[in-house]
Amino acid sequence: MSLQDTLILAIRIGISIEEYWNMTPCEFFCYLRAYEKKELDYLNKNITLAWYTEYFARQKKLDKVTKYLIDNNTIKNNKNTAKNKMSKEEIENHYKNKVVR
């Protein structure tokens, strides 16, 4: 890869020319790997979205959309567990009896 190719690649990644000349080759390739991973993640998300779109398009009868969404009961159960927090005394007893022996 020539110097001109790496400079063009840096510009495509979003690195300014000034930043490019002030970084080491190792730093540049770290940016390049991060950019490639970001692009790969973006492609994977789009492929997954396209797959699900086609999956639903081929269904003869669609399930209710609520099957695929988070229902309110799950959210309520999570809120109820927050209400059942231990008191200070219960925490102290727990640590005295179970953790510290």
PDB file of N, CA and C in Angstrom:
ATOM      1  N   MET A   1       0.852  -1.162   0.000  1.00  0.00           N
ATOM      2  CA  MET A   1       0.000   0.000   0.000  1.00  0.00           C
ATOM      3  C   MET A   1       0.905   1.234   0.000  1.00  0.00           C
ATOM      4  N   SER A   2       0.668   2.093  -0.943  1.00  0.00           N
ATOM      5  CA  SER A   2       1.506   3.285  -1.061  1.00  0.00           C
ATOM      6  C   SER A   2       1.074   4.357  -0.063  1.00  0.00           C
ATOM      7  N   LEU A   3       1.906   5.348   0.080  1.00  0.00           N
ATOM      8  CA  LEU A   3       1.623   6.464   0.981  1.00  0.00           C
ATOM      9  C   LEU A   3       0.360   7.195   0.553  1.00  0.00           C
ATOM     10  N   GLN A   4       0.192   7.360  -0.747  1.00  0.00           N
ATOM     11  CA  GLN A   4      -0.998   8.035  -1.269  1.00  0.00           C
ATOM     12  C   GLN A   4      -2.253   7.232  -0.954  1.00  0.00           C
ATOM     13  N   ASP A   5      -2.173   5.907  -1.064  1.00  0.00           N
ATOM     14  CA  ASP A   5      -3.327   5.056  -0.748  1.00  0.00           C
ATOM     15  C   ASP A   5      -3.717   5.167   0.721  1.00  0.00           C
ATOM     16  N   THR A   6      -2.720   5.181   1.604  1.00  0.00           N
ATOM     17  CA  THR A   6      -3.041   5.292   3.024  1.00  0.00           C
ATOM     18  C   THR A   6      -3.631   6.658   3.355  1.00  0.00           C
ATOM     19  N   LEU A   7      -3.156   7.702   2.680  1.00  0.00           N
ATOM     20  CA  LEU A   7      -3.713   9.036   2.905  1.00  0.00           C
ATOM     21  C   LEU A   7      -5.165   9.092   2.447  1.00  0.00           C
ATOM     22  N   ILE A   8      -5.451   8.523   1.290  1.00  0.00           N
ATOM     23  CA  ILE A   8      -6.833   8.483   0.787  1.00  0.00           C
ATOM     24  C   ILE A   8      -7.708   7.674   1.733  1.00  0.00           C
ATOM     25  N   LEU A   9      -7.183   6.561   2.216  1.00  0.00           N
ATOM     26  CA  LEU A   9      -7.926   5.733   3.164  1.00  0.00           C
ATOM     27  C   LEU A   9      -8.195   6.493   4.462  1.00  0.00           C
ATOM     28  N   ALA A  10      -7.213   7.248   4.929  1.00  0.00           N
ATOM     29  CA  ALA A  10      -7.389   8.047   6.148  1.00  0.00           C
ATOM     30  C   ALA A  10      -8.503   9.072   5.967  1.00  0.00           C
ATOM     31  N   ILE A  11      -8.537   9.698   4.814  1.00  0.00           N
ATOM     32  CA  ILE A  11      -9.587  10.692   4.545  1.00  0.00           C
ATOM     33  C   ILE A  11     -10.948  10.013   4.496  1.00  0.00           C
ATOM     34  N   ARG A  12     -11.020   8.821   3.902  1.00  0.00           N
ATOM     35  CA  ARG A  12     -12.294   8.091   3.850  1.00  0.00           C
ATOM     36  C   ARG A  12     -12.765   7.701   5.246  1.00  0.00           C
ATOM     37  N   ILE A  13     -11.828   7.380   6.132  1.00  0.00           N
ATOM     38  CA  ILE A  13     -12.166   7.013   7.508  1.00  0.00           C
ATOM     39  C   ILE A  13     -12.671   8.224   8.280  1.00  0.00           C
ATOM     40  N   GLY A  14     -12.175   9.389   7.933  1.00  0.00           N
ATOM     41  CA  GLY A  14     -12.584  10.601   8.636  1.00  0.00           C
ATOM     42  C   GLY A  14     -11.452  11.256   9.394  1.00  0.00           C
ATOM     43  N   ILE A  15     -10.239  10.829   9.121  1.00  0.00           N
ATOM     44  CA  ILE A  15      -9.068  11.416   9.760  1.00  0.00           C
ATOM     45  C   ILE A  15      -8.611  12.596   8.903  1.00  0.00           C
ATOM     46  N   SER A  16      -8.363  13.722   9.551  1.00  0.00           N
ATOM     47  CA  SER A  16      -7.895  14.883   8.792  1.00  0.00           C
ATOM     48  C   SER A  16      -6.440  14.657   8.350  1.00  0.00           C
ATOM     49  N   ILE A  17      -6.018  15.423   7.364  1.00  0.00           N
ATOM     50  CA  ILE A  17      -4.657  15.280   6.846  1.00  0.00           C
ATOM     51  C   ILE A  17      -3.642  15.628   7.931  1.00  0.00           C
ATOM     52  N   GLU A  18      -3.941  16.646   8.714  1.00  0.00           N
ATOM     53  CA  GLU A  18      -3.035  17.037   9.799  1.00  0.00           C
ATOM     54  C   GLU A  18      -2.914  15.920  10.830  1.00  0.00           C
ATOM     55  N   GLU A  19      -4.054  15.327  11.215  1.00  0.00           N
ATOM     56  CA  GLU A  19      -4.018  14.210  12.163  1.00  0.00           C
ATOM     57  C   GLU A  19      -3.225  13.037  11.590  1.00  0.00           C
ATOM     58  N   TYR A  20      -3.411  12.782  10.294  1.00  0.00           N
ATOM     59  CA  TYR A  20      -2.721  11.668   9.639  1.00  0.00           C
ATOM     60  C   TYR A  20      -1.209  11.822   9.751  1.00  0.00           C
ATOM     61  N   TRP A  21      -0.701  13.023   9.512  1.00  0.00           N
ATOM     62  CA  TRP A  21       0.755  13.230   9.550  1.00  0.00           C
ATOM     63  C   TRP A  21       1.298  13.226  10.968  1.00  0.00           C
ATOM     64  N   ASN A  22       0.432  13.406  11.968  1.00  0.00           N
ATOM     65  CA  ASN A  22       0.891  13.421  13.356  1.00  0.00           C
ATOM     66  C   ASN A  22       0.741  12.077  14.057  1.00  0.00           C
ATOM     67  N   MET A  23       0.245  11.048  13.380  1.00  0.00           N
ATOM     68  CA  MET A  23       0.064   9.750  14.030  1.00  0.00           C
ATOM     69  C   MET A  23       1.075   8.732  13.516  1.00  0.00           C
ATOM     70  N   THR A  24       1.285   7.730  14.353  1.00  0.00           N
ATOM     71  CA  THR A  24       2.208   6.658  13.977  1.00  0.00           C
ATOM     72  C   THR A  24       1.469   5.657  13.094  1.00  0.00           C
ATOM     73  N   PRO A  25       2.190   4.812  12.369  1.00  0.00           N
ATOM     74  CA  PRO A  25       1.526   3.776  11.570  1.00  0.00           C
ATOM     75  C   PRO A  25       0.656   2.852  12.427  1.00  0.00           C
ATOM     76  N   CYS A  26       1.113   2.555  13.622  1.00  0.00           N
ATOM     77  CA  CYS A  26       0.317   1.697  14.516  1.00  0.00           C
ATOM     78  C   CYS A  26      -1.018   2.358  14.865  1.00  0.00           C
ATOM     79  N   GLU A  27      -0.983   3.646  15.171  1.00  0.00           N
ATOM     80  CA  GLU A  27      -2.220   4.379  15.473  1.00  0.00           C
ATOM     81  C   GLU A  27      -3.144   4.389  14.268  1.00  0.00           C
ATOM     82  N   PHE A  28      -2.571   4.596  13.081  1.00  0.00           N
ATOM     83  CA  PHE A  28      -3.390   4.617  11.876  1.00  0.00           C
ATOM     84  C   PHE A  28      -4.084   3.276  11.663  1.00  0.00           C
ATOM     85  N   PHE A  29      -3.360   2.180  11.844  1.00  0.00           N
ATOM     86  CA  PHE A  29      -3.968   0.872  11.621  1.00  0.00           C
ATOM     87  C   PHE A  29      -4.974   0.516  12.713  1.00  0.00           C
ATOM     88  N   CYS A  30      -4.807   1.084  13.909  1.00  0.00           N
ATOM     89  CA  CYS A  30      -5.841   0.913  14.947  1.00  0.00           C
ATOM     90  C   CYS A  30      -7.131   1.613  14.523  1.00  0.00           C
ATOM     91  N   TYR A  31      -6.998   2.832  13.989  1.00  0.00           N
ATOM     92  CA  TYR A  31      -8.177   3.534  13.471  1.00  0.00           C
ATOM     93  C   TYR A  31      -8.801   2.746  12.324  1.00  0.00           C
ATOM     94  N   LEU A  32      -7.963   2.193  11.467  1.00  0.00           N
ATOM     95  CA  LEU A  32      -8.454   1.430  10.318  1.00  0.00           C
ATOM     96  C   LEU A  32      -9.220   0.193  10.773  1.00  0.00           C
ATOM     97  N   ARG A  33      -8.681  -0.525  11.752  1.00  0.00           N
ATOM     98  CA  ARG A  33      -9.388  -1.715  12.255  1.00  0.00           C
ATOM     99  C   ARG A  33     -10.708  -1.352  12.915  1.00  0.00           C
ATOM    100  N   ALA A  34     -10.713  -0.274  13.669  1.00  0.00           N
ATOM    101  CA  ALA A  34     -11.960   0.172  14.307  1.00  0.00           C
ATOM    102  C   ALA A  34     -12.998   0.550  13.260  1.00  0.00           C
ATOM    103  N   TYR A  35     -12.558   1.215  12.207  1.00  0.00           N
ATOM    104  CA  TYR A  35     -13.469   1.597  11.128  1.00  0.00           C
ATOM    105  C   TYR A  35     -14.021   0.364  10.414  1.00  0.00           C
ATOM    106  N   GLU A  36     -13.154  -0.612  10.158  1.00  0.00           N
ATOM    107  CA  GLU A  36     -13.608  -1.838   9.499  1.00  0.00           C
ATOM    108  C   GLU A  36     -14.620  -2.573  10.367  1.00  0.00           C
ATOM    109  N   LYS A  37     -14.378  -2.628  11.690  1.00  0.00           N
ATOM    110  CA  LYS A  37     -15.325  -3.287  12.587  1.00  0.00           C
ATOM    111  C   LYS A  37     -16.659  -2.560  12.597  1.00  0.00           C
ATOM    112  N   LYS A  38     -16.613  -1.238  12.617  1.00  0.00           N
ATOM    113  CA  LYS A  38     -17.838  -0.437  12.603  1.00  0.00           C
ATOM    114  C   LYS A  38     -18.631  -0.704  11.315  1.00  0.00           C
ATOM    115  N   GLU A  39     -17.933  -0.749  10.183  1.00  0.00           N
ATOM    116  CA  GLU A  39     -18.594  -1.029   8.911  1.00  0.00           C
ATOM    117  C   GLU A  39     -19.187  -2.435   8.887  1.00  0.00           C
ATOM    118  N   LEU A  40     -18.457  -3.406   9.432  1.00  0.00           N
ATOM    119  CA  LEU A  40     -18.944  -4.775   9.471  1.00  0.00           C
ATOM    120  C   LEU A  40     -20.184  -4.888  10.346  1.00  0.00           C
ATOM    121  N   ASP A  41     -20.181  -4.221  11.499  1.00  0.00           N
ATOM    122  CA  ASP A  41     -21.352  -4.219  12.370  1.00  0.00           C
ATOM    123  C   ASP A  41     -22.553  -3.602  11.664  1.00  0.00           C
ATOM    124  N   TYR A  42     -22.317  -2.515  10.947  1.00  0.00           N
ATOM    125  CA  TYR A  42     -23.388  -1.847  10.206  1.00  0.00           C
ATOM    126  C   TYR A  42     -23.977  -2.791   9.139  1.00  0.00           C
ATOM    127  N   LEU A  43     -23.107  -3.485   8.417  1.00  0.00           N
ATOM    128  CA  LEU A  43     -23.583  -4.425   7.403  1.00  0.00           C
ATOM    129  C   LEU A  43     -24.355  -5.577   8.034  1.00  0.00           C
ATOM    130  N   ASN A  44     -23.863  -6.106   9.147  1.00  0.00           N
ATOM    131  CA  ASN A  44     -24.557  -7.201   9.815  1.00  0.00           C
ATOM    132  C   ASN A  44     -25.943  -6.789  10.290  1.00  0.00           C
ATOM    133  N   LYS A  45     -26.067  -5.572  10.807  1.00  0.00           N
ATOM    134  CA  LYS A  45     -27.383  -5.094  11.248  1.00  0.00           C
ATOM    135  C   LYS A  45     -28.334  -4.968  10.066  1.00  0.00           C
ATOM    136  N   ASN A  46     -27.831  -4.463   8.942  1.00  0.00           N
ATOM    137  CA  ASN A  46     -28.679  -4.323   7.762  1.00  0.00           C
ATOM    138  C   ASN A  46     -29.086  -5.676   7.197  1.00  0.00           C
ATOM    139  N   ILE A  47     -28.172  -6.639   7.202  1.00  0.00           N
ATOM    140  CA  ILE A  47     -28.508  -7.981   6.718  1.00  0.00           C
ATOM    141  C   ILE A  47     -29.551  -8.616   7.619  1.00  0.00           C
ATOM    142  N   THR A  48     -29.395  -8.434   8.937  1.00  0.00           N
ATOM    143  CA  THR A  48     -30.379  -8.974   9.875  1.00  0.00           C
ATOM    144  C   THR A  48     -31.741  -8.334   9.655  1.00  0.00           C
ATOM    145  N   LEU A  49     -31.771  -7.035   9.473  1.00  0.00           N
ATOM    146  CA  LEU A  49     -33.028  -6.338   9.210  1.00  0.00           C
ATOM    147  C   LEU A  49     -33.670  -6.838   7.928  1.00  0.00           C
ATOM    148  N   ALA A  50     -32.883  -7.021   6.883  1.00  0.00           N
ATOM    149  CA  ALA A  50     -33.412  -7.524   5.617  1.00  0.00           C
ATOM    150  C   ALA A  50     -33.942  -8.940   5.783  1.00  0.00           C
ATOM    151  N   TRP A  51     -33.257  -9.759   6.571  1.00  0.00           N
ATOM    152  CA  TRP A  51     -33.704 -11.136   6.782  1.00  0.00           C
ATOM    153  C   TRP A  51     -35.056 -11.153   7.482  1.00  0.00           C
ATOM    154  N   TYR A  52     -35.183 -10.359   8.559  1.00  0.00           N
ATOM    155  CA  TYR A  52     -36.455 -10.316   9.281  1.00  0.00           C
ATOM    156  C   TYR A  52     -37.575  -9.765   8.405  1.00  0.00           C
ATOM    157  N   THR A  53     -37.267  -8.763   7.599  1.00  0.00           N
ATOM    158  CA  THR A  53     -38.281  -8.209   6.703  1.00  0.00           C
ATOM    159  C   THR A  53     -38.788  -9.281   5.745  1.00  0.00           C
ATOM    160  N   GLU A  54     -37.880 -10.030   5.173  1.00  0.00           N
ATOM    161  CA  GLU A  54     -38.281 -11.102   4.252  1.00  0.00           C
ATOM    162  C   GLU A  54     -39.000 -12.219   4.990  1.00  0.00           C
ATOM    163  N   TYR A  55     -38.577 -12.525   6.198  1.00  0.00           N
ATOM    164  CA  TYR A  55     -39.237 -13.551   7.005  1.00  0.00           C
ATOM    165  C   TYR A  55     -40.709 -13.199   7.230  1.00  0.00           C
ATOM    166  N   PHE A  56     -40.958 -11.966   7.631  1.00  0.00           N
ATOM    167  CA  PHE A  56     -42.337 -11.555   7.866  1.00  0.00           C
ATOM    168  C   PHE A  56     -43.120 -11.441   6.569  1.00  0.00           C
ATOM    169  N   ALA A  57     -42.459 -11.086   5.489  1.00  0.00           N
ATOM    170  CA  ALA A  57     -43.151 -10.969   4.202  1.00  0.00           C
ATOM    171  C   ALA A  57     -43.633 -12.326   3.708  1.00  0.00           C
ATOM    172  N   ARG A  58     -42.954 -13.393   4.065  1.00  0.00           N
ATOM    173  CA  ARG A  58     -43.323 -14.734   3.594  1.00  0.00           C
ATOM    174  C   ARG A  58     -44.356 -15.417   4.471  1.00  0.00           C
ATOM    175  N   GLN A  59     -44.721 -14.828   5.584  1.00  0.00           N
ATOM    176  CA  GLN A  59     -45.693 -15.448   6.477  1.00  0.00           C
ATOM    177  C   GLN A  59     -47.081 -15.407   5.876  1.00  0.00           C
ATOM    178  N   LYS A  60     -47.773 -16.539   5.938  1.00  0.00           N
ATOM    179  CA  LYS A  60     -49.163 -16.576   5.468  1.00  0.00           C
ATOM    180  C   LYS A  60     -50.061 -15.853   6.469  1.00  0.00           C
ATOM    181  N   LYS A  61     -49.828 -16.112   7.739  1.00  0.00           N
ATOM    182  CA  LYS A  61     -50.595 -15.463   8.786  1.00  0.00           C
ATOM    183  C   LYS A  61     -49.599 -14.923   9.818  1.00  0.00           C
ATOM    184  N   LEU A  62     -49.659 -13.641  10.053  1.00  0.00           N
ATOM    185  CA  LEU A  62     -48.732 -13.027  10.997  1.00  0.00           C
ATOM    186  C   LEU A  62     -49.212 -13.218  12.427  1.00  0.00           C
ATOM    187  N   ASP A  63     -48.272 -13.439  13.326  1.00  0.00           N
ATOM    188  CA  ASP A  63     -48.579 -13.458  14.746  1.00  0.00           C
ATOM    189  C   ASP A  63     -48.891 -12.033  15.189  1.00  0.00           C
ATOM    190  N   LYS A  64     -49.453 -11.926  16.381  1.00  0.00           N
ATOM    191  CA  LYS A  64     -49.690 -10.590  16.912  1.00  0.00           C
ATOM    192  C   LYS A  64     -48.347  -9.924  17.184  1.00  0.00           C
ATOM    193  N   VAL A  65     -48.313  -8.651  16.926  1.00  0.00           N
ATOM    194  CA  VAL A  65     -47.063  -7.906  17.103  1.00  0.00           C
ATOM    195  C   VAL A  65     -46.620  -7.896  18.563  1.00  0.00           C
ATOM    196  N   THR A  66     -47.549  -8.061  19.481  1.00  0.00           N
ATOM    197  CA  THR A  66     -47.204  -8.055  20.905  1.00  0.00           C
ATOM    198  C   THR A  66     -46.296  -9.230  21.274  1.00  0.00           C
ATOM    199  N   LYS A  67     -46.308 -10.271  20.463  1.00  0.00           N
ATOM    200  CA  LYS A  67     -45.428 -11.409  20.709  1.00  0.00           C
ATOM    201  C   LYS A  67     -43.962 -10.999  20.574  1.00  0.00           C
ATOM    202  N   TYR A  68     -43.696 -10.031  19.729  1.00  0.00           N
ATOM    203  CA  TYR A  68     -42.332  -9.614  19.454  1.00  0.00           C
ATOM    204  C   TYR A  68     -41.909  -8.376  20.240  1.00  0.00           C
ATOM    205  N   LEU A  69     -42.834  -7.734  20.900  1.00  0.00           N
ATOM    206  CA  LEU A  69     -42.528  -6.537  21.678  1.00  0.00           C
ATOM    207  C   LEU A  69     -42.411  -6.887  23.153  1.00  0.00           C
ATOM    208  N   ILE A  70     -41.792  -6.012  23.908  1.00  0.00           N
ATOM    209  CA  ILE A  70     -41.712  -6.203  25.359  1.00  0.00           C
ATOM    210  C   ILE A  70     -43.071  -5.849  25.934  1.00  0.00           C
ATOM    211  N   ASP A  71     -43.624  -6.770  26.695  1.00  0.00           N
ATOM    212  CA  ASP A  71     -44.949  -6.501  27.251  1.00  0.00           C
ATOM    213  C   ASP A  71     -44.838  -5.712  28.551  1.00  0.00           C
ATOM    214  N   ASN A  72     -45.948  -5.116  28.933  1.00  0.00           N
ATOM    215  CA  ASN A  72     -45.973  -4.273  30.135  1.00  0.00           C
ATOM    216  C   ASN A  72     -45.751  -5.076  31.401  1.00  0.00           C
ATOM    217  N   ASN A  73     -46.145  -6.356  31.420  1.00  0.00           N
ATOM    218  CA  ASN A  73     -45.960  -7.175  32.619  1.00  0.00           C
ATOM    219  C   ASN A  73     -44.483  -7.338  32.946  1.00  0.00           C
ATOM    220  N   THR A  74     -43.660  -7.471  31.921  1.00  0.00           N
ATOM    221  CA  THR A  74     -42.220  -7.591  32.155  1.00  0.00           C
ATOM    222  C   THR A  74     -41.692  -6.322  32.794  1.00  0.00           C
ATOM    223  N   ILE A  75     -42.141  -5.185  32.308  1.00  0.00           N
ATOM    224  CA  ILE A  75     -41.696  -3.915  32.863  1.00  0.00           C
ATOM    225  C   ILE A  75     -42.199  -3.767  34.299  1.00  0.00           C
ATOM    226  N   LYS A  76     -43.454  -4.132  34.548  1.00  0.00           N
ATOM    227  CA  LYS A  76     -44.003  -4.034  35.904  1.00  0.00           C
ATOM    228  C   LYS A  76     -43.264  -4.950  36.858  1.00  0.00           C
ATOM    229  N   ASN A  77     -42.927  -6.170  36.413  1.00  0.00           N
ATOM    230  CA  ASN A  77     -42.194  -7.097  37.277  1.00  0.00           C
ATOM    231  C   ASN A  77     -40.823  -6.540  37.634  1.00  0.00           C
ATOM    232  N   ASN A  78     -40.176  -5.897  36.695  1.00  0.00           N
ATOM    233  CA  ASN A  78     -38.875  -5.295  36.983  1.00  0.00           C
ATOM    234  C   ASN A  78     -39.004  -4.159  37.987  1.00  0.00           C
ATOM    235  N   LYS A  79     -40.101  -3.400  37.909  1.00  0.00           N
ATOM    236  CA  LYS A  79     -40.321  -2.317  38.869  1.00  0.00           C
ATOM    237  C   LYS A  79     -40.620  -2.884  40.245  1.00  0.00           C
ATOM    238  N   ASN A  80     -41.370  -3.998  40.305  1.00  0.00           N
ATOM    239  CA  ASN A  80     -41.695  -4.600  41.596  1.00  0.00           C
ATOM    240  C   ASN A  80     -40.451  -5.130  42.296  1.00  0.00           C
ATOM    241  N   THR A  81     -39.508  -5.655  41.553  1.00  0.00           N
ATOM    242  CA  THR A  81     -38.288  -6.143  42.187  1.00  0.00           C
ATOM    243  C   THR A  81     -37.492  -4.993  42.786  1.00  0.00           C
ATOM    244  N   ALA A  82     -37.595  -3.811  42.211  1.00  0.00           N
ATOM    245  CA  ALA A  82     -36.912  -2.659  42.768  1.00  0.00           C
ATOM    246  C   ALA A  82     -37.525  -2.264  44.109  1.00  0.00           C
ATOM    247  N   LYS A  83     -38.829  -2.505  44.294  1.00  0.00           N
ATOM    248  CA  LYS A  83     -39.493  -2.176  45.550  1.00  0.00           C
ATOM    249  C   LYS A  83     -39.090  -3.138  46.665  1.00  0.00           C
ATOM    250  N   ASN A  84     -38.670  -4.332  46.311  1.00  0.00           N
ATOM    251  CA  ASN A  84     -38.341  -5.354  47.298  1.00  0.00           C
ATOM    252  C   ASN A  84     -36.867  -5.298  47.698  1.00  0.00           C
ATOM    253  N   LYS A  85     -36.344  -4.099  47.854  1.00  0.00           N
ATOM    254  CA  LYS A  85     -34.955  -3.947  48.243  1.00  0.00           C
ATOM    255  C   LYS A  85     -34.785  -4.290  49.717  1.00  0.00           C
ATOM    256  N   MET A  86     -33.587  -4.712  50.046  1.00  0.00           N
ATOM    257  CA  MET A  86     -33.280  -5.060  51.423  1.00  0.00           C
ATOM    258  C   MET A  86     -33.049  -3.789  52.244  1.00  0.00           C
ATOM    259  N   SER A  87     -33.441  -3.856  53.509  1.00  0.00           N
ATOM    260  CA  SER A  87     -33.180  -2.733  54.408  1.00  0.00           C
ATOM    261  C   SER A  87     -31.718  -2.791  54.845  1.00  0.00           C
ATOM    262  N   LYS A  88     -31.271  -1.745  55.533  1.00  0.00           N
ATOM    263  CA  LYS A  88     -29.888  -1.710  56.009  1.00  0.00           C
ATOM    264  C   LYS A  88     -29.602  -2.850  56.977  1.00  0.00           C
ATOM    265  N   GLU A  89     -30.556  -3.125  57.842  1.00  0.00           N
ATOM    266  CA  GLU A  89     -30.380  -4.201  58.817  1.00  0.00           C
ATOM    267  C   GLU A  89     -30.267  -5.551  58.109  1.00  0.00           C
ATOM    268  N   GLU A  90     -31.107  -5.761  57.095  1.00  0.00           N
ATOM    269  CA  GLU A  90     -31.058  -7.020  56.353  1.00  0.00           C
ATOM    270  C   GLU A  90     -29.728  -7.187  55.619  1.00  0.00           C
ATOM    271  N   ILE A  91     -29.220  -6.090  55.092  1.00  0.00           N
ATOM    272  CA  ILE A  91     -27.930  -6.140  54.402  1.00  0.00           C
ATOM    273  C   ILE A  91     -26.821  -6.464  55.391  1.00  0.00           C
ATOM    274  N   GLU A  92     -26.843  -5.809  56.550  1.00  0.00           N
ATOM    275  CA  GLU A  92     -25.821  -6.074  57.559  1.00  0.00           C
ATOM    276  C   GLU A  92     -25.875  -7.514  58.032  1.00  0.00           C
ATOM    277  N   ASN A  93     -27.081  -8.029  58.284  1.00  0.00           N
ATOM    278  CA  ASN A  93     -27.228  -9.425  58.712  1.00  0.00           C
ATOM    279  C   ASN A  93     -26.752 -10.384  57.627  1.00  0.00           C
ATOM    280  N   HIS A  94     -27.038 -10.061  56.396  1.00  0.00           N
ATOM    281  CA  HIS A  94     -26.615 -10.904  55.286  1.00  0.00           C
ATOM    282  C   HIS A  94     -25.093 -11.000  55.242  1.00  0.00           C
ATOM    283  N   TYR A  95     -24.422  -9.862  55.344  1.00  0.00           N
ATOM    284  CA  TYR A  95     -22.965  -9.862  55.294  1.00  0.00           C
ATOM    285  C   TYR A  95     -22.358 -10.532  56.523  1.00  0.00           C
ATOM    286  N   LYS A  96     -22.979 -10.345  57.696  1.00  0.00           N
ATOM    287  CA  LYS A  96     -22.463 -10.990  58.915  1.00  0.00           C
ATOM    288  C   LYS A  96     -22.617 -12.504  58.831  1.00  0.00           C
ATOM    289  N   ASN A  97     -23.760 -12.960  58.338  1.00  0.00           N
ATOM    290  CA  ASN A  97     -24.053 -14.406  58.338  1.00  0.00           C
ATOM    291  C   ASN A  97     -23.479 -15.136  57.130  1.00  0.00           C
ATOM    292  N   LYS A  98     -23.518 -14.528  55.961  1.00  0.00           N
ATOM    293  CA  LYS A  98     -23.164 -15.251  54.736  1.00  0.00           C
ATOM    294  C   LYS A  98     -21.777 -14.913  54.224  1.00  0.00           C
ATOM    295  N   VAL A  99     -21.440 -13.652  54.216  1.00  0.00           N
ATOM    296  CA  VAL A  99     -20.216 -13.234  53.558  1.00  0.00           C
ATOM    297  C   VAL A  99     -19.024 -13.306  54.511  1.00  0.00           C
ATOM    298  N   VAL A 100     -19.128 -12.643  55.633  1.00  0.00           N
ATOM    299  CA  VAL A 100     -18.018 -12.582  56.585  1.00  0.00           C
ATOM    300  C   VAL A 100     -18.231 -13.645  57.631  1.00  0.00           C
ATOM    301  N   ARG A 101     -17.297 -14.558  57.764  1.00  0.00           N
ATOM    302  CA  ARG A 101     -17.412 -15.613  58.779  1.00  0.00           C
ATOM    303  C   ARG A 101     -16.162 -15.687  59.580  1.00  0.00           C
TER     304      ARG A 101
END
